[in-house]
Amino acid sequence: MQKKVKVKPNSKVQKIEEQADGSLSVHLKSPPVDGKANEELIKLLAEKFDVPKSHITIKSGLSSRQKLVEIDTD
């Protein structure tokens, strides 16, 4: 399954909000430095979809706020 994700780094609270169009808005505590925000994003999505972190890949937007994430739920 692929999800469009909008990341908001440096937030006070970690949370995932599902938008009406099926995309996700993810608030992260980590700053967008040295891939820390991407690591936190993968960890949060793994918890939400109950899959191992290795089943989640960022397909596009590694250094962007708009990302395309693939989640292997099999």
C-alpha atoms as a PDB file:
ATOM      1  CA  MET A   1       0.000   0.000   0.000  1.00  0.00           C
ATOM      2  CA  GLN A   2       1.260   3.476  -0.796  1.00  0.00           C
ATOM      3  CA  LYS A   3       0.423   6.567   1.241  1.00  0.00           C
ATOM      4  CA  LYS A   4       1.086  10.228   0.621  1.00  0.00           C
ATOM      5  CA  VAL A   5       2.526  11.723   3.782  1.00  0.00           C
ATOM      6  CA  LYS A   6       2.966  15.363   4.750  1.00  0.00           C
ATOM      7  CA  VAL A   7       5.571  15.691   7.489  1.00  0.00           C
ATOM      8  CA  LYS A   8       5.660  18.490  10.044  1.00  0.00           C
ATOM      9  CA  PRO A   9       8.984  18.295  11.928  1.00  0.00           C
ATOM     10  CA  ASN A  10       9.805  20.085  15.206  1.00  0.00           C
ATOM     11  CA  SER A  11       6.260  19.666  16.544  1.00  0.00           C
ATOM     12  CA  LYS A  12       5.576  19.606  20.270  1.00  0.00           C
ATOM     13  CA  VAL A  13       3.399  16.502  20.001  1.00  0.00           C
ATOM     14  CA  GLN A  14       3.864  13.321  17.962  1.00  0.00           C
ATOM     15  CA  LYS A  15       0.694  12.412  16.108  1.00  0.00           C
ATOM     16  CA  ILE A  16      -0.662  10.999  12.876  1.00  0.00           C
ATOM     17  CA  GLU A  17      -3.778  12.526  11.315  1.00  0.00           C
ATOM     18  CA  GLU A  18      -5.610  10.879   8.437  1.00  0.00           C
ATOM     19  CA  GLN A  19      -6.883  13.379   5.873  1.00  0.00           C
ATOM     20  CA  ALA A  20     -10.140  13.107   3.925  1.00  0.00           C
ATOM     21  CA  ASP A  21      -8.274  12.134   0.729  1.00  0.00           C
ATOM     22  CA  GLY A  22      -6.573   9.188   2.481  1.00  0.00           C
ATOM     23  CA  SER A  23      -3.198  10.883   2.878  1.00  0.00           C
ATOM     24  CA  LEU A  24      -1.519  11.254   6.257  1.00  0.00           C
ATOM     25  CA  SER A  25      -0.332  14.328   8.105  1.00  0.00           C
ATOM     26  CA  VAL A  26       2.395  13.369  10.565  1.00  0.00           C
ATOM     27  CA  HIS A  27       3.680  15.646  13.323  1.00  0.00           C
ATOM     28  CA  LEU A  28       7.208  14.708  14.427  1.00  0.00           C
ATOM     29  CA  LYS A  29       9.269  15.908  17.381  1.00  0.00           C
ATOM     30  CA  SER A  30      12.579  15.380  15.554  1.00  0.00           C
ATOM     31  CA  PRO A  31      14.251  18.132  13.536  1.00  0.00           C
ATOM     32  CA  PRO A  32      14.830  17.469   9.819  1.00  0.00           C
ATOM     33  CA  VAL A  33      18.574  16.901  10.364  1.00  0.00           C
ATOM     34  CA  ASP A  34      20.683  13.836   9.450  1.00  0.00           C
ATOM     35  CA  GLY A  35      17.577  11.774   8.607  1.00  0.00           C
ATOM     36  CA  LYS A  36      16.259  11.889  12.192  1.00  0.00           C
ATOM     37  CA  ALA A  37      12.771  12.966  11.104  1.00  0.00           C
ATOM     38  CA  ASN A  38      12.642  10.142   8.511  1.00  0.00           C
ATOM     39  CA  GLU A  39      13.662   7.578  11.164  1.00  0.00           C
ATOM     40  CA  GLU A  40      10.953   8.852  13.506  1.00  0.00           C
ATOM     41  CA  LEU A  41       8.406   8.792  10.662  1.00  0.00           C
ATOM     42  CA  ILE A  42       9.189   5.138   9.868  1.00  0.00           C
ATOM     43  CA  LYS A  43       8.975   4.206  13.556  1.00  0.00           C
ATOM     44  CA  LEU A  44       5.574   5.923  13.982  1.00  0.00           C
ATOM     45  CA  LEU A  45       4.114   4.403  10.808  1.00  0.00           C
ATOM     46  CA  ALA A  46       5.351   0.939  11.839  1.00  0.00           C
ATOM     47  CA  GLU A  47       3.498   1.298  15.153  1.00  0.00           C
ATOM     48  CA  LYS A  48       0.321   2.624  13.504  1.00  0.00           C
ATOM     49  CA  PHE A  49       0.090  -0.112  10.854  1.00  0.00           C
ATOM     50  CA  ASP A  50       1.499  -2.835  13.152  1.00  0.00           C
ATOM     51  CA  VAL A  51       4.321  -3.878  10.809  1.00  0.00           C
ATOM     52  CA  PRO A  52       8.099  -4.130  11.330  1.00  0.00           C
ATOM     53  CA  LYS A  53      10.107  -1.002  10.456  1.00  0.00           C
ATOM     54  CA  SER A  54      11.793  -2.938   7.643  1.00  0.00           C
ATOM     55  CA  HIS A  55       8.408  -3.152   5.833  1.00  0.00           C
ATOM     56  CA  ILE A  56       8.243   0.624   5.376  1.00  0.00           C
ATOM     57  CA  THR A  57      10.163   2.469   2.674  1.00  0.00           C
ATOM     58  CA  ILE A  58      10.153   6.112   1.646  1.00  0.00           C
ATOM     59  CA  LYS A  59       9.758   5.927  -2.126  1.00  0.00           C
ATOM     60  CA  SER A  60      10.146   9.642  -2.834  1.00  0.00           C
ATOM     61  CA  GLY A  61      10.658  12.891  -0.975  1.00  0.00           C
ATOM     62  CA  LEU A  62      13.532  11.873   1.342  1.00  0.00           C
ATOM     63  CA  SER A  63      14.475  15.522   1.879  1.00  0.00           C
ATOM     64  CA  SER A  64      11.002  16.982   1.350  1.00  0.00           C
ATOM     65  CA  ARG A  65       7.968  17.478   3.577  1.00  0.00           C
ATOM     66  CA  GLN A  66       5.794  15.719   0.982  1.00  0.00           C
ATOM     67  CA  LYS A  67       6.687  12.030   0.877  1.00  0.00           C
ATOM     68  CA  LEU A  68       5.430   8.900  -0.801  1.00  0.00           C
ATOM     69  CA  VAL A  69       5.707   5.967   1.595  1.00  0.00           C
ATOM     70  CA  GLU A  70       5.237   2.296   0.744  1.00  0.00           C
ATOM     71  CA  ILE A  71       3.977   0.035   3.522  1.00  0.00           C
ATOM     72  CA  ASP A  72       4.232  -3.737   3.027  1.00  0.00           C
ATOM     73  CA  THR A  73       1.322  -5.108   5.094  1.00  0.00           C
ATOM     74  CA  ASP A  74       1.667  -8.744   3.986  1.00  0.00           C
END
